[in-house]
Amino acid sequence: MRFVLGMLLSAAALVAGSGVALADPPQPPYNAITTWADAEVRTCEALSCPVAYVIPAGQKAVAICWTRGEMVYDHGIRNNIWIMVGLNVQGDRRLASAIYFKGDERGNVPYEQDCGPY
């Protein structure tokens, strides 16, 4: 977990130093969230975006922030909230639908940790 957080912070520093403007990126500490079903992590907040990887059911992930995106309906749940669970070295976001995480409609990511516009 510490390695993942270190990589995430390194990627964020790389993006910040590259001249890419991020709208007040969320600050640590980030929340640990847990999947209850396999969560496809995509390159944007829509089902049409490519799947970057899958977080298996029962695994923890780091929640950077949440945002609204395409409505997802799966396992009898309907929600348009997506959770940013990572950045790659180019600063591209990695997001998963909040329906696959335990907790409230935001996977227990605090309301104040809204990603804002990117």
PDB file of N, CA and C in Angstrom:
ATOM      1  N   MET A   1       0.830  -1.181   0.000  1.00  0.00           N
ATOM      2  CA  MET A   1       0.000   0.000   0.000  1.00  0.00           C
ATOM      3  C   MET A   1       0.878   1.249   0.000  1.00  0.00           C
ATOM      4  N   ARG A   2       1.949   1.241   0.801  1.00  0.00           N
ATOM      5  CA  ARG A   2       2.845   2.383   0.856  1.00  0.00           C
ATOM      6  C   ARG A   2       3.511   2.594  -0.497  1.00  0.00           C
ATOM      7  N   PHE A   3       3.873   1.489  -1.184  1.00  0.00           N
ATOM      8  CA  PHE A   3       4.481   1.585  -2.510  1.00  0.00           C
ATOM      9  C   PHE A   3       3.510   2.226  -3.502  1.00  0.00           C
ATOM     10  N   VAL A   4       2.243   1.785  -3.473  1.00  0.00           N
ATOM     11  CA  VAL A   4       1.229   2.328  -4.383  1.00  0.00           C
ATOM     12  C   VAL A   4       1.050   3.816  -4.138  1.00  0.00           C
ATOM     13  N   LEU A   5       0.957   4.219  -2.865  1.00  0.00           N
ATOM     14  CA  LEU A   5       0.789   5.629  -2.540  1.00  0.00           C
ATOM     15  C   LEU A   5       2.001   6.432  -2.988  1.00  0.00           C
ATOM     16  N   GLY A   6       3.197   5.875  -2.813  1.00  0.00           N
ATOM     17  CA  GLY A   6       4.415   6.557  -3.261  1.00  0.00           C
ATOM     18  C   GLY A   6       4.412   6.741  -4.764  1.00  0.00           C
ATOM     19  N   MET A   7       4.015   5.717  -5.502  1.00  0.00           N
ATOM     20  CA  MET A   7       3.948   5.820  -6.957  1.00  0.00           C
ATOM     21  C   MET A   7       2.909   6.863  -7.370  1.00  0.00           C
ATOM     22  N   LEU A   8       1.780   6.871  -6.672  1.00  0.00           N
ATOM     23  CA  LEU A   8       0.722   7.827  -6.973  1.00  0.00           C
ATOM     24  C   LEU A   8       1.200   9.251  -6.743  1.00  0.00           C
ATOM     25  N   LEU A   9       1.865   9.483  -5.624  1.00  0.00           N
ATOM     26  CA  LEU A   9       2.363  10.824  -5.330  1.00  0.00           C
ATOM     27  C   LEU A   9       3.458  11.223  -6.309  1.00  0.00           C
ATOM     28  N   SER A  10       4.289  10.282  -6.726  1.00  0.00           N
ATOM     29  CA  SER A  10       5.316  10.576  -7.727  1.00  0.00           C
ATOM     30  C   SER A  10       4.685  10.976  -9.045  1.00  0.00           C
ATOM     31  N   ALA A  11       3.634  10.262  -9.433  1.00  0.00           N
ATOM     32  CA  ALA A  11       2.942  10.591 -10.684  1.00  0.00           C
ATOM     33  C   ALA A  11       2.299  11.969 -10.588  1.00  0.00           C
ATOM     34  N   ALA A  12       1.722  12.271  -9.439  1.00  0.00           N
ATOM     35  CA  ALA A  12       1.100  13.580  -9.264  1.00  0.00           C
ATOM     36  C   ALA A  12       2.150  14.679  -9.342  1.00  0.00           C
ATOM     37  N   ALA A  13       3.316  14.460  -8.768  1.00  0.00           N
ATOM     38  CA  ALA A  13       4.390  15.459  -8.833  1.00  0.00           C
ATOM     39  C   ALA A  13       4.870  15.635 -10.265  1.00  0.00           C
ATOM     40  N   LEU A  14       4.948  14.542 -11.007  1.00  0.00           N
ATOM     41  CA  LEU A  14       5.359  14.607 -12.403  1.00  0.00           C
ATOM     42  C   LEU A  14       4.375  15.443 -13.213  1.00  0.00           C
ATOM     43  N   VAL A  15       3.087  15.209 -12.987  1.00  0.00           N
ATOM     44  CA  VAL A  15       2.059  15.963 -13.698  1.00  0.00           C
ATOM     45  C   VAL A  15       2.139  17.433 -13.318  1.00  0.00           C
ATOM     46  N   ALA A  16       2.266  17.717 -12.041  1.00  0.00           N
ATOM     47  CA  ALA A  16       2.310  19.100 -11.576  1.00  0.00           C
ATOM     48  C   ALA A  16       3.496  19.839 -12.179  1.00  0.00           C
ATOM     49  N   GLY A  17       4.608  19.146 -12.347  1.00  0.00           N
ATOM     50  CA  GLY A  17       5.798  19.779 -12.902  1.00  0.00           C
ATOM     51  C   GLY A  17       5.803  19.852 -14.413  1.00  0.00           C
ATOM     52  N   SER A  18       4.812  19.236 -15.054  1.00  0.00           N
ATOM     53  CA  SER A  18       4.815  19.190 -16.514  1.00  0.00           C
ATOM     54  C   SER A  18       4.036  20.330 -17.151  1.00  0.00           C
ATOM     55  N   GLY A  19       3.460  21.191 -16.331  1.00  0.00           N
ATOM     56  CA  GLY A  19       2.688  22.296 -16.880  1.00  0.00           C
ATOM     57  C   GLY A  19       1.239  21.940 -17.143  1.00  0.00           C
ATOM     58  N   VAL A  20       0.838  20.704 -16.815  1.00  0.00           N
ATOM     59  CA  VAL A  20      -0.559  20.308 -16.964  1.00  0.00           C
ATOM     60  C   VAL A  20      -1.316  20.886 -15.777  1.00  0.00           C
ATOM     61  N   ALA A  21      -2.346  21.655 -16.038  1.00  0.00           N
ATOM     62  CA  ALA A  21      -3.098  22.300 -14.965  1.00  0.00           C
ATOM     63  C   ALA A  21      -4.123  21.351 -14.370  1.00  0.00           C
ATOM     64  N   LEU A  22      -4.035  21.136 -13.087  1.00  0.00           N
ATOM     65  CA  LEU A  22      -5.029  20.355 -12.367  1.00  0.00           C
ATOM     66  C   LEU A  22      -5.775  21.312 -11.451  1.00  0.00           C
ATOM     67  N   ALA A  23      -7.076  21.209 -11.423  1.00  0.00           N
ATOM     68  CA  ALA A  23      -7.904  22.102 -10.618  1.00  0.00           C
ATOM     69  C   ALA A  23      -7.855  21.673  -9.160  1.00  0.00           C
ATOM     70  N   ASP A  24      -6.991  22.285  -8.377  1.00  0.00           N
ATOM     71  CA  ASP A  24      -6.857  21.997  -6.952  1.00  0.00           C
ATOM     72  C   ASP A  24      -6.939  20.501  -6.665  1.00  0.00           C
ATOM     73  N   PRO A  25      -5.915  19.727  -7.042  1.00  0.00           N
ATOM     74  CA  PRO A  25      -5.976  18.282  -6.826  1.00  0.00           C
ATOM     75  C   PRO A  25      -6.138  17.957  -5.346  1.00  0.00           C
ATOM     76  N   PRO A  26      -6.872  16.894  -5.036  1.00  0.00           N
ATOM     77  CA  PRO A  26      -7.077  16.498  -3.642  1.00  0.00           C
ATOM     78  C   PRO A  26      -5.748  16.233  -2.960  1.00  0.00           C
ATOM     79  N   GLN A  27      -5.695  16.500  -1.690  1.00  0.00           N
ATOM     80  CA  GLN A  27      -4.470  16.332  -0.922  1.00  0.00           C
ATOM     81  C   GLN A  27      -4.575  15.099  -0.029  1.00  0.00           C
ATOM     82  N   PRO A  28      -3.437  14.453   0.243  1.00  0.00           N
ATOM     83  CA  PRO A  28      -3.451  13.318   1.173  1.00  0.00           C
ATOM     84  C   PRO A  28      -3.916  13.781   2.548  1.00  0.00           C
ATOM     85  N   PRO A  29      -4.383  12.949   3.423  1.00  0.00           N
ATOM     86  CA  PRO A  29      -4.384  11.502   3.267  1.00  0.00           C
ATOM     87  C   PRO A  29      -5.550  11.033   2.396  1.00  0.00           C
ATOM     88  N   TYR A  30      -5.276  10.061   1.554  1.00  0.00           N
ATOM     89  CA  TYR A  30      -6.301   9.470   0.716  1.00  0.00           C
ATOM     90  C   TYR A  30      -6.979   8.348   1.484  1.00  0.00           C
ATOM     91  N   ASN A  31      -8.186   8.021   1.093  1.00  0.00           N
ATOM     92  CA  ASN A  31      -8.939   6.963   1.763  1.00  0.00           C
ATOM     93  C   ASN A  31      -8.652   5.610   1.137  1.00  0.00           C
ATOM     94  N   ALA A  32      -8.647   4.584   1.980  1.00  0.00           N
ATOM     95  CA  ALA A  32      -8.595   3.210   1.486  1.00  0.00           C
ATOM     96  C   ALA A  32     -10.032   2.756   1.319  1.00  0.00           C
ATOM     97  N   ILE A  33     -10.367   2.237   0.144  1.00  0.00           N
ATOM     98  CA  ILE A  33     -11.711   1.729  -0.123  1.00  0.00           C
ATOM     99  C   ILE A  33     -11.588   0.270  -0.542  1.00  0.00           C
ATOM    100  N   THR A  34     -12.680  -0.469  -0.406  1.00  0.00           N
ATOM    101  CA  THR A  34     -12.650  -1.910  -0.674  1.00  0.00           C
ATOM    102  C   THR A  34     -13.737  -2.281  -1.670  1.00  0.00           C
ATOM    103  N   THR A  35     -13.367  -3.091  -2.649  1.00  0.00           N
ATOM    104  CA  THR A  35     -14.344  -3.570  -3.626  1.00  0.00           C
ATOM    105  C   THR A  35     -15.170  -4.706  -3.025  1.00  0.00           C
ATOM    106  N   TRP A  36     -16.424  -4.804  -3.425  1.00  0.00           N
ATOM    107  CA  TRP A  36     -17.261  -5.951  -3.059  1.00  0.00           C
ATOM    108  C   TRP A  36     -17.518  -6.817  -4.295  1.00  0.00           C
ATOM    109  N   ALA A  37     -17.203  -6.275  -5.470  1.00  0.00           N
ATOM    110  CA  ALA A  37     -17.281  -6.996  -6.747  1.00  0.00           C
ATOM    111  C   ALA A  37     -16.096  -6.522  -7.584  1.00  0.00           C
ATOM    112  N   ASP A  38     -15.735  -7.298  -8.598  1.00  0.00           N
ATOM    113  CA  ASP A  38     -14.635  -6.869  -9.470  1.00  0.00           C
ATOM    114  C   ASP A  38     -14.944  -5.490 -10.051  1.00  0.00           C
ATOM    115  N   ALA A  39     -13.976  -4.581  -9.978  1.00  0.00           N
ATOM    116  CA  ALA A  39     -14.158  -3.216 -10.468  1.00  0.00           C
ATOM    117  C   ALA A  39     -13.235  -2.964 -11.649  1.00  0.00           C
ATOM    118  N   GLU A  40     -13.823  -2.703 -12.804  1.00  0.00           N
ATOM    119  CA  GLU A  40     -13.028  -2.351 -13.979  1.00  0.00           C
ATOM    120  C   GLU A  40     -12.581  -0.902 -13.840  1.00  0.00           C
ATOM    121  N   VAL A  41     -11.286  -0.692 -13.924  1.00  0.00           N
ATOM    122  CA  VAL A  41     -10.723   0.653 -13.825  1.00  0.00           C
ATOM    123  C   VAL A  41     -10.502   1.145 -15.246  1.00  0.00           C
ATOM    124  N   ARG A  42     -11.111   2.271 -15.564  1.00  0.00           N
ATOM    125  CA  ARG A  42     -11.110   2.791 -16.936  1.00  0.00           C
ATOM    126  C   ARG A  42     -10.303   4.078 -17.043  1.00  0.00           C
ATOM    127  N   THR A  43     -10.076   4.479 -18.275  1.00  0.00           N
ATOM    128  CA  THR A  43      -9.274   5.670 -18.544  1.00  0.00           C
ATOM    129  C   THR A  43     -10.079   6.964 -18.460  1.00  0.00           C
ATOM    130  N   CYS A  44     -11.381   6.861 -18.291  1.00  0.00           N
ATOM    131  CA  CYS A  44     -12.244   8.022 -18.063  1.00  0.00           C
ATOM    132  C   CYS A  44     -13.510   7.528 -17.384  1.00  0.00           C
ATOM    133  N   GLU A  45     -14.417   8.444 -17.083  1.00  0.00           N
ATOM    134  CA  GLU A  45     -15.616   8.102 -16.344  1.00  0.00           C
ATOM    135  C   GLU A  45     -16.787   7.732 -17.251  1.00  0.00           C
ATOM    136  N   ALA A  46     -16.533   6.736 -18.140  1.00  0.00           N
ATOM    137  CA  ALA A  46     -17.574   6.242 -19.048  1.00  0.00           C
ATOM    138  C   ALA A  46     -17.278   4.791 -19.414  1.00  0.00           C
ATOM    139  N   LEU A  47     -18.339   4.024 -19.647  1.00  0.00           N
ATOM    140  CA  LEU A  47     -18.163   2.617 -20.004  1.00  0.00           C
ATOM    141  C   LEU A  47     -17.532   2.433 -21.376  1.00  0.00           C
ATOM    142  N   SER A  48     -17.561   3.456 -22.201  1.00  0.00           N
ATOM    143  CA  SER A  48     -16.943   3.367 -23.529  1.00  0.00           C
ATOM    144  C   SER A  48     -15.425   3.533 -23.481  1.00  0.00           C
ATOM    145  N   CYS A  49     -14.890   3.957 -22.357  1.00  0.00           N
ATOM    146  CA  CYS A  49     -13.437   4.149 -22.214  1.00  0.00           C
ATOM    147  C   CYS A  49     -12.752   2.800 -22.003  1.00  0.00           C
ATOM    148  N   PRO A  50     -11.518   2.670 -22.475  1.00  0.00           N
ATOM    149  CA  PRO A  50     -10.803   1.403 -22.313  1.00  0.00           C
ATOM    150  C   PRO A  50     -10.590   1.024 -20.846  1.00  0.00           C
ATOM    151  N   VAL A  51     -10.589  -0.283 -20.595  1.00  0.00           N
ATOM    152  CA  VAL A  51     -10.294  -0.807 -19.259  1.00  0.00           C
ATOM    153  C   VAL A  51      -8.781  -0.876 -19.112  1.00  0.00           C
ATOM    154  N   ALA A  52      -8.250  -0.210 -18.095  1.00  0.00           N
ATOM    155  CA  ALA A  52      -6.811  -0.220 -17.836  1.00  0.00           C
ATOM    156  C   ALA A  52      -6.409  -1.449 -17.026  1.00  0.00           C
ATOM    157  N   TYR A  53      -7.239  -1.804 -16.044  1.00  0.00           N
ATOM    158  CA  TYR A  53      -7.004  -2.989 -15.219  1.00  0.00           C
ATOM    159  C   TYR A  53      -8.255  -3.246 -14.393  1.00  0.00           C
ATOM    160  N   VAL A  54      -8.264  -4.343 -13.657  1.00  0.00           N
ATOM    161  CA  VAL A  54      -9.407  -4.714 -12.817  1.00  0.00           C
ATOM    162  C   VAL A  54      -8.931  -4.861 -11.382  1.00  0.00           C
ATOM    163  N   ILE A  55      -9.702  -4.292 -10.451  1.00  0.00           N
ATOM    164  CA  ILE A  55      -9.441  -4.507  -9.031  1.00  0.00           C
ATOM    165  C   ILE A  55     -10.372  -5.642  -8.608  1.00  0.00           C
ATOM    166  N   PRO A  56      -9.825  -6.787  -8.189  1.00  0.00           N
ATOM    167  CA  PRO A  56     -10.674  -7.927  -7.826  1.00  0.00           C
ATOM    168  C   PRO A  56     -11.532  -7.654  -6.583  1.00  0.00           C
ATOM    169  N   ALA A  57     -12.633  -8.371  -6.483  1.00  0.00           N
ATOM    170  CA  ALA A  57     -13.515  -8.257  -5.320  1.00  0.00           C
ATOM    171  C   ALA A  57     -12.730  -8.529  -4.038  1.00  0.00           C
ATOM    172  N   GLY A  58     -13.021  -7.739  -3.021  1.00  0.00           N
ATOM    173  CA  GLY A  58     -12.375  -7.913  -1.716  1.00  0.00           C
ATOM    174  C   GLY A  58     -11.033  -7.229  -1.583  1.00  0.00           C
ATOM    175  N   GLN A  59     -10.582  -6.521  -2.601  1.00  0.00           N
ATOM    176  CA  GLN A  59      -9.281  -5.856  -2.564  1.00  0.00           C
ATOM    177  C   GLN A  59      -9.439  -4.392  -2.166  1.00  0.00           C
ATOM    178  N   LYS A  60      -8.411  -3.856  -1.527  1.00  0.00           N
ATOM    179  CA  LYS A  60      -8.382  -2.442  -1.169  1.00  0.00           C
ATOM    180  C   LYS A  60      -7.754  -1.640  -2.301  1.00  0.00           C
ATOM    181  N   ALA A  61      -8.171  -0.386  -2.400  1.00  0.00           N
ATOM    182  CA  ALA A  61      -7.610   0.549  -3.370  1.00  0.00           C
ATOM    183  C   ALA A  61      -7.519   1.908  -2.695  1.00  0.00           C
ATOM    184  N   VAL A  62      -6.721   2.782  -3.266  1.00  0.00           N
ATOM    185  CA  VAL A  62      -6.599   4.150  -2.765  1.00  0.00           C
ATOM    186  C   VAL A  62      -7.585   5.025  -3.532  1.00  0.00           C
ATOM    187  N   ALA A  63      -8.442   5.724  -2.808  1.00  0.00           N
ATOM    188  CA  ALA A  63      -9.402   6.642  -3.427  1.00  0.00           C
ATOM    189  C   ALA A  63      -8.834   8.048  -3.358  1.00  0.00           C
ATOM    190  N   ILE A  64      -8.540   8.610  -4.518  1.00  0.00           N
ATOM    191  CA  ILE A  64      -7.995   9.961  -4.558  1.00  0.00           C
ATOM    192  C   ILE A  64      -9.119  10.975  -4.429  1.00  0.00           C
ATOM    193  N   CYS A  65     -10.194  10.768  -5.194  1.00  0.00           N
ATOM    194  CA  CYS A  65     -11.338  11.673  -5.177  1.00  0.00           C
ATOM    195  C   CYS A  65     -12.475  11.022  -5.948  1.00  0.00           C
ATOM    196  N   TRP A  66     -13.612  11.693  -6.015  1.00  0.00           N
ATOM    197  CA  TRP A  66     -14.769  11.190  -6.767  1.00  0.00           C
ATOM    198  C   TRP A  66     -15.263  12.272  -7.722  1.00  0.00           C
ATOM    199  N   THR A  67     -15.960  11.824  -8.765  1.00  0.00           N
ATOM    200  CA  THR A  67     -16.532  12.748  -9.732  1.00  0.00           C
ATOM    201  C   THR A  67     -17.795  12.126 -10.321  1.00  0.00           C
ATOM    202  N   ARG A  68     -18.545  12.912 -11.036  1.00  0.00           N
ATOM    203  CA  ARG A  68     -19.729  12.381 -11.721  1.00  0.00           C
ATOM    204  C   ARG A  68     -19.367  12.073 -13.170  1.00  0.00           C
ATOM    205  N   GLY A  69     -19.957  11.014 -13.689  1.00  0.00           N
ATOM    206  CA  GLY A  69     -19.713  10.611 -15.062  1.00  0.00           C
ATOM    207  C   GLY A  69     -20.922   9.872 -15.603  1.00  0.00           C
ATOM    208  N   GLU A  70     -20.659   8.940 -16.499  1.00  0.00           N
ATOM    209  CA  GLU A  70     -21.743   8.171 -17.111  1.00  0.00           C
ATOM    210  C   GLU A  70     -22.466   7.329 -16.066  1.00  0.00           C
ATOM    211  N   MET A  71     -23.780   7.227 -16.212  1.00  0.00           N
ATOM    212  CA  MET A  71     -24.593   6.385 -15.333  1.00  0.00           C
ATOM    213  C   MET A  71     -24.242   4.924 -15.598  1.00  0.00           C
ATOM    214  N   VAL A  72     -24.030   4.174 -14.524  1.00  0.00           N
ATOM    215  CA  VAL A  72     -23.723   2.746 -14.616  1.00  0.00           C
ATOM    216  C   VAL A  72     -24.839   1.996 -13.903  1.00  0.00           C
ATOM    217  N   TYR A  73     -25.300   0.910 -14.516  1.00  0.00           N
ATOM    218  CA  TYR A  73     -26.295   0.050 -13.906  1.00  0.00           C
ATOM    219  C   TYR A  73     -25.741  -1.369 -13.922  1.00  0.00           C
ATOM    220  N   ASP A  74     -25.512  -1.924 -12.719  1.00  0.00           N
ATOM    221  CA  ASP A  74     -24.955  -3.267 -12.612  1.00  0.00           C
ATOM    222  C   ASP A  74     -25.320  -3.817 -11.234  1.00  0.00           C
ATOM    223  N   HIS A  75     -25.493  -5.114 -11.142  1.00  0.00           N
ATOM    224  CA  HIS A  75     -25.829  -5.782  -9.877  1.00  0.00           C
ATOM    225  C   HIS A  75     -27.048  -5.143  -9.213  1.00  0.00           C
ATOM    226  N   GLY A  76     -27.991  -4.594 -10.009  1.00  0.00           N
ATOM    227  CA  GLY A  76     -29.184  -3.976  -9.465  1.00  0.00           C
ATOM    228  C   GLY A  76     -28.951  -2.591  -8.865  1.00  0.00           C
ATOM    229  N   ILE A  77     -27.786  -2.022  -9.100  1.00  0.00           N
ATOM    230  CA  ILE A  77     -27.442  -0.700  -8.560  1.00  0.00           C
ATOM    231  C   ILE A  77     -27.266   0.270  -9.721  1.00  0.00           C
ATOM    232  N   ARG A  78     -27.721   1.496  -9.520  1.00  0.00           N
ATOM    233  CA  ARG A  78     -27.608   2.544 -10.532  1.00  0.00           C
ATOM    234  C   ARG A  78     -26.900   3.738  -9.889  1.00  0.00           C
ATOM    235  N   ASN A  79     -25.828   4.225 -10.544  1.00  0.00           N
ATOM    236  CA  ASN A  79     -25.050   5.313  -9.953  1.00  0.00           C
ATOM    237  C   ASN A  79     -24.217   5.981 -11.043  1.00  0.00           C
ATOM    238  N   ASN A  80     -24.020   7.291 -10.937  1.00  0.00           N
ATOM    239  CA  ASN A  80     -23.166   8.000 -11.896  1.00  0.00           C
ATOM    240  C   ASN A  80     -21.898   8.554 -11.245  1.00  0.00           C
ATOM    241  N   ILE A  81     -21.555   8.036 -10.085  1.00  0.00           N
ATOM    242  CA  ILE A  81     -20.343   8.489  -9.393  1.00  0.00           C
ATOM    243  C   ILE A  81     -19.192   7.545  -9.710  1.00  0.00           C
ATOM    244  N   TRP A  82     -18.060   8.158 -10.050  1.00  0.00           N
ATOM    245  CA  TRP A  82     -16.838   7.430 -10.367  1.00  0.00           C
ATOM    246  C   TRP A  82     -15.751   7.850  -9.388  1.00  0.00           C
ATOM    247  N   ILE A  83     -14.910   6.904  -9.009  1.00  0.00           N
ATOM    248  CA  ILE A  83     -13.843   7.167  -8.053  1.00  0.00           C
ATOM    249  C   ILE A  83     -12.504   7.098  -8.775  1.00  0.00           C
ATOM    250  N   MET A  84     -11.691   8.151  -8.604  1.00  0.00           N
ATOM    251  CA  MET A  84     -10.345   8.124  -9.165  1.00  0.00           C
ATOM    252  C   MET A  84      -9.471   7.282  -8.235  1.00  0.00           C
ATOM    253  N   VAL A  85      -8.947   6.188  -8.779  1.00  0.00           N
ATOM    254  CA  VAL A  85      -8.134   5.272  -7.986  1.00  0.00           C
ATOM    255  C   VAL A  85      -6.672   5.295  -8.408  1.00  0.00           C
ATOM    256  N   GLY A  86      -6.320   6.146  -9.368  1.00  0.00           N
ATOM    257  CA  GLY A  86      -4.925   6.218  -9.765  1.00  0.00           C
ATOM    258  C   GLY A  86      -4.669   7.200 -10.884  1.00  0.00           C
ATOM    259  N   LEU A  87      -3.390   7.443 -11.086  1.00  0.00           N
ATOM    260  CA  LEU A  87      -2.872   8.242 -12.194  1.00  0.00           C
ATOM    261  C   LEU A  87      -1.724   7.441 -12.787  1.00  0.00           C
ATOM    262  N   ASN A  88      -1.561   7.493 -14.109  1.00  0.00           N
ATOM    263  CA  ASN A  88      -0.375   6.852 -14.664  1.00  0.00           C
ATOM    264  C   ASN A  88       0.733   7.904 -14.762  1.00  0.00           C
ATOM    265  N   VAL A  89       1.894   7.523 -15.254  1.00  0.00           N
ATOM    266  CA  VAL A  89       3.026   8.453 -15.274  1.00  0.00           C
ATOM    267  C   VAL A  89       2.800   9.647 -16.189  1.00  0.00           C
ATOM    268  N   GLN A  90       1.887   9.531 -17.142  1.00  0.00           N
ATOM    269  CA  GLN A  90       1.557  10.662 -18.004  1.00  0.00           C
ATOM    270  C   GLN A  90       0.520  11.585 -17.357  1.00  0.00           C
ATOM    271  N   GLY A  91       0.012  11.198 -16.174  1.00  0.00           N
ATOM    272  CA  GLY A  91      -0.994  12.002 -15.491  1.00  0.00           C
ATOM    273  C   GLY A  91      -2.411  11.675 -15.890  1.00  0.00           C
ATOM    274  N   ASP A  92      -2.600  10.608 -16.670  1.00  0.00           N
ATOM    275  CA  ASP A  92      -3.943  10.195 -17.064  1.00  0.00           C
ATOM    276  C   ASP A  92      -4.645   9.538 -15.882  1.00  0.00           C
ATOM    277  N   ARG A  93      -5.884   9.925 -15.672  1.00  0.00           N
ATOM    278  CA  ARG A  93      -6.659   9.406 -14.556  1.00  0.00           C
ATOM    279  C   ARG A  93      -7.090   7.965 -14.787  1.00  0.00           C
ATOM    280  N   ARG A  94      -7.299   7.257 -13.692  1.00  0.00           N
ATOM    281  CA  ARG A  94      -7.839   5.906 -13.699  1.00  0.00           C
ATOM    282  C   ARG A  94      -9.043   5.915 -12.760  1.00  0.00           C
ATOM    283  N   LEU A  95     -10.214   5.569 -13.307  1.00  0.00           N
ATOM    284  CA  LEU A  95     -11.463   5.677 -12.555  1.00  0.00           C
ATOM    285  C   LEU A  95     -12.270   4.386 -12.599  1.00  0.00           C
ATOM    286  N   ALA A  96     -12.993   4.135 -11.520  1.00  0.00           N
ATOM    287  CA  ALA A  96     -13.888   2.981 -11.447  1.00  0.00           C
ATOM    288  C   ALA A  96     -15.228   3.460 -10.919  1.00  0.00           C
ATOM    289  N   SER A  97     -16.294   2.837 -11.374  1.00  0.00           N
ATOM    290  CA  SER A  97     -17.617   3.189 -10.884  1.00  0.00           C
ATOM    291  C   SER A  97     -17.704   2.902  -9.391  1.00  0.00           C
ATOM    292  N   ALA A  98     -18.326   3.812  -8.660  1.00  0.00           N
ATOM    293  CA  ALA A  98     -18.457   3.667  -7.208  1.00  0.00           C
ATOM    294  C   ALA A  98     -19.350   2.495  -6.812  1.00  0.00           C
ATOM    295  N   ILE A  99     -20.147   1.975  -7.748  1.00  0.00           N
ATOM    296  CA  ILE A  99     -21.050   0.883  -7.366  1.00  0.00           C
ATOM    297  C   ILE A  99     -20.302  -0.379  -6.957  1.00  0.00           C
ATOM    298  N   TYR A 100     -19.045  -0.492  -7.333  1.00  0.00           N
ATOM    299  CA  TYR A 100     -18.281  -1.698  -7.031  1.00  0.00           C
ATOM    300  C   TYR A 100     -17.533  -1.620  -5.701  1.00  0.00           C
ATOM    301  N   PHE A 101     -17.732  -0.530  -4.955  1.00  0.00           N
ATOM    302  CA  PHE A 101     -17.033  -0.347  -3.683  1.00  0.00           C
ATOM    303  C   PHE A 101     -18.006  -0.368  -2.521  1.00  0.00           C
ATOM    304  N   LYS A 102     -17.562  -0.909  -1.401  1.00  0.00           N
ATOM    305  CA  LYS A 102     -18.372  -0.958  -0.187  1.00  0.00           C
ATOM    306  C   LYS A 102     -18.622   0.457   0.317  1.00  0.00           C
ATOM    307  N   GLY A 103     -19.767   0.631   0.981  1.00  0.00           N
ATOM    308  CA  GLY A 103     -20.064   1.921   1.593  1.00  0.00           C
ATOM    309  C   GLY A 103     -21.218   2.629   0.930  1.00  0.00           C
ATOM    310  N   ASP A 104     -21.201   3.957   1.022  1.00  0.00           N
ATOM    311  CA  ASP A 104     -22.289   4.761   0.489  1.00  0.00           C
ATOM    312  C   ASP A 104     -22.157   4.940  -1.018  1.00  0.00           C
ATOM    313  N   GLU A 105     -22.931   5.866  -1.582  1.00  0.00           N
ATOM    314  CA  GLU A 105     -22.952   6.076  -3.036  1.00  0.00           C
ATOM    315  C   GLU A 105     -21.601   6.500  -3.607  1.00  0.00           C
ATOM    316  N   ARG A 106     -20.705   6.989  -2.758  1.00  0.00           N
ATOM    317  CA  ARG A 106     -19.360   7.391  -3.180  1.00  0.00           C
ATOM    318  C   ARG A 106     -18.309   6.398  -2.692  1.00  0.00           C
ATOM    319  N   GLY A 107     -18.716   5.210  -2.291  1.00  0.00           N
ATOM    320  CA  GLY A 107     -17.753   4.231  -1.785  1.00  0.00           C
ATOM    321  C   GLY A 107     -17.068   4.703  -0.509  1.00  0.00           C
ATOM    322  N   ASN A 108     -17.770   5.538   0.247  1.00  0.00           N
ATOM    323  CA  ASN A 108     -17.277   6.143   1.487  1.00  0.00           C
ATOM    324  C   ASN A 108     -16.165   7.165   1.275  1.00  0.00           C
ATOM    325  N   VAL A 109     -16.003   7.635   0.044  1.00  0.00           N
ATOM    326  CA  VAL A 109     -15.076   8.745  -0.198  1.00  0.00           C
ATOM    327  C   VAL A 109     -15.809  10.007   0.261  1.00  0.00           C
ATOM    328  N   PRO A 110     -15.188  10.825   1.119  1.00  0.00           N
ATOM    329  CA  PRO A 110     -15.881  12.004   1.644  1.00  0.00           C
ATOM    330  C   PRO A 110     -16.377  12.942   0.538  1.00  0.00           C
ATOM    331  N   TYR A 111     -17.521  13.557   0.786  1.00  0.00           N
ATOM    332  CA  TYR A 111     -18.124  14.484  -0.167  1.00  0.00           C
ATOM    333  C   TYR A 111     -17.137  15.587  -0.556  1.00  0.00           C
ATOM    334  N   GLU A 112     -16.345  16.034   0.389  1.00  0.00           N
ATOM    335  CA  GLU A 112     -15.390  17.129   0.151  1.00  0.00           C
ATOM    336  C   GLU A 112     -14.269  16.732  -0.803  1.00  0.00           C
ATOM    337  N   GLN A 113     -14.089  15.463  -1.068  1.00  0.00           N
ATOM    338  CA  GLN A 113     -13.034  15.007  -1.968  1.00  0.00           C
ATOM    339  C   GLN A 113     -13.532  14.895  -3.400  1.00  0.00           C
ATOM    340  N   ASP A 114     -14.325  15.859  -3.830  1.00  0.00           N
ATOM    341  CA  ASP A 114     -14.797  15.946  -5.202  1.00  0.00           C
ATOM    342  C   ASP A 114     -13.585  16.278  -6.090  1.00  0.00           C
ATOM    343  N   CYS A 115     -13.413  15.563  -7.184  1.00  0.00           N
ATOM    344  CA  CYS A 115     -12.267  15.785  -8.065  1.00  0.00           C
ATOM    345  C   CYS A 115     -12.310  17.160  -8.732  1.00  0.00           C
ATOM    346  N   GLY A 116     -13.497  17.697  -8.909  1.00  0.00           N
ATOM    347  CA  GLY A 116     -13.601  18.958  -9.629  1.00  0.00           C
ATOM    348  C   GLY A 116     -13.307  18.742 -11.107  1.00  0.00           C
ATOM    349  N   PRO A 117     -13.322  19.792 -11.879  1.00  0.00           N
ATOM    350  CA  PRO A 117     -13.079  19.645 -13.326  1.00  0.00           C
ATOM    351  C   PRO A 117     -11.603  19.372 -13.626  1.00  0.00           C
ATOM    352  N   TYR A 118     -11.359  18.441 -14.533  1.00  0.00           N
ATOM    353  CA  TYR A 118      -9.974  18.145 -14.957  1.00  0.00           C
ATOM    354  C   TYR A 118      -9.862  18.431 -16.431  1.00  0.00           C
TER     355      TYR A 118
END
